[in-house]
C-alpha atoms as a PDB file:
ATOM      1  CA  UNK A   1      10.493  -2.336 -11.618  1.00  0.00           C
ATOM      2  CA  UNK A   2       7.762  -3.628 -13.946  1.00  0.00           C
ATOM      3  CA  UNK A   3       6.960  -0.180 -15.374  1.00  0.00           C
ATOM      4  CA  UNK A   4       3.416  -0.434 -14.015  1.00  0.00           C
ATOM      5  CA  UNK A   5       1.563   1.953 -11.690  1.00  0.00           C
ATOM      6  CA  UNK A   6       1.933   1.281  -7.974  1.00  0.00           C
ATOM      7  CA  UNK A   7      -1.761   0.717  -7.341  1.00  0.00           C
ATOM      8  CA  UNK A   8      -1.518  -1.708  -4.431  1.00  0.00           C
ATOM      9  CA  UNK A   9       0.070  -1.636  -0.973  1.00  0.00           C
ATOM     10  CA  UNK A  10       1.743  -4.620   0.699  1.00  0.00           C
ATOM     11  CA  UNK A  11       0.890  -4.469   4.406  1.00  0.00           C
ATOM     12  CA  UNK A  12       3.585  -6.999   5.377  1.00  0.00           C
ATOM     13  CA  UNK A  13       6.422  -5.071   3.722  1.00  0.00           C
ATOM     14  CA  UNK A  14       4.800  -1.628   4.136  1.00  0.00           C
ATOM     15  CA  UNK A  15       5.481  -0.680   0.532  1.00  0.00           C
ATOM     16  CA  UNK A  16       3.560   0.300  -2.608  1.00  0.00           C
ATOM     17  CA  UNK A  17       3.572  -2.399  -5.282  1.00  0.00           C
ATOM     18  CA  UNK A  18       2.259  -2.933  -8.806  1.00  0.00           C
ATOM     19  CA  UNK A  19      -0.320  -5.518  -9.829  1.00  0.00           C
ATOM     20  CA  UNK A  20       2.376  -7.829 -11.199  1.00  0.00           C
ATOM     21  CA  UNK A  21       4.093  -7.909  -7.790  1.00  0.00           C
ATOM     22  CA  UNK A  22       0.866  -9.133  -6.178  1.00  0.00           C
ATOM     23  CA  UNK A  23       1.272 -12.292  -8.254  1.00  0.00           C
ATOM     24  CA  UNK A  24       5.009 -12.749  -7.665  1.00  0.00           C
ATOM     25  CA  UNK A  25       7.123 -11.341  -4.801  1.00  0.00           C
ATOM     26  CA  UNK A  26       4.133 -10.447  -2.606  1.00  0.00           C
ATOM     27  CA  UNK A  27       1.857 -13.333  -3.577  1.00  0.00           C
ATOM     28  CA  UNK A  28       1.123 -14.555  -0.048  1.00  0.00           C
ATOM     29  CA  UNK A  29       1.164 -11.139   1.634  1.00  0.00           C
ATOM     30  CA  UNK A  30      -1.832  -9.069   2.685  1.00  0.00           C
ATOM     31  CA  UNK A  31      -2.301  -6.536  -0.112  1.00  0.00           C
ATOM     32  CA  UNK A  32      -4.797  -3.656  -0.202  1.00  0.00           C
ATOM     33  CA  UNK A  33      -5.557  -0.892  -2.713  1.00  0.00           C
ATOM     34  CA  UNK A  34      -3.108   2.009  -2.432  1.00  0.00           C
ATOM     35  CA  UNK A  35      -6.051   4.422  -2.176  1.00  0.00           C
ATOM     36  CA  UNK A  36      -7.271   2.689   0.989  1.00  0.00           C
ATOM     37  CA  UNK A  37      -3.819   2.862   2.611  1.00  0.00           C
ATOM     38  CA  UNK A  38      -3.483   6.497   1.596  1.00  0.00           C
ATOM     39  CA  UNK A  39      -6.769   7.335   3.359  1.00  0.00           C
ATOM     40  CA  UNK A  40      -5.588   5.512   6.497  1.00  0.00           C
ATOM     41  CA  UNK A  41      -2.309   7.452   6.556  1.00  0.00           C
ATOM     42  CA  UNK A  42      -4.131  10.763   6.107  1.00  0.00           C
ATOM     43  CA  UNK A  43      -6.485   9.959   9.007  1.00  0.00           C
ATOM     44  CA  UNK A  44      -3.527   9.010  11.218  1.00  0.00           C
ATOM     45  CA  UNK A  45      -1.790  12.284  10.378  1.00  0.00           C
ATOM     46  CA  UNK A  46      -4.916  14.277  11.282  1.00  0.00           C
ATOM     47  CA  UNK A  47      -5.083  12.493  14.650  1.00  0.00           C
ATOM     48  CA  UNK A  48      -1.417  13.266  15.346  1.00  0.00           C
ATOM     49  CA  UNK A  49      -1.874  16.931  14.421  1.00  0.00           C
ATOM     50  CA  UNK A  50      -4.911  17.180  16.712  1.00  0.00           C
ATOM     51  CA  UNK A  51      -2.907  15.925  19.720  1.00  0.00           C
END
């Protein structure tokens, strides 16, 4: 949308967002680095595969 990398993740909307979105549409949402969310998803997938 803003032609910027999707470096952040909005926890409320469960979607990747760019830095500009953290200041506009997702301003009051909990936002974390995309890398952190990616690690969490990978760990969850490993747990599911182990079950």
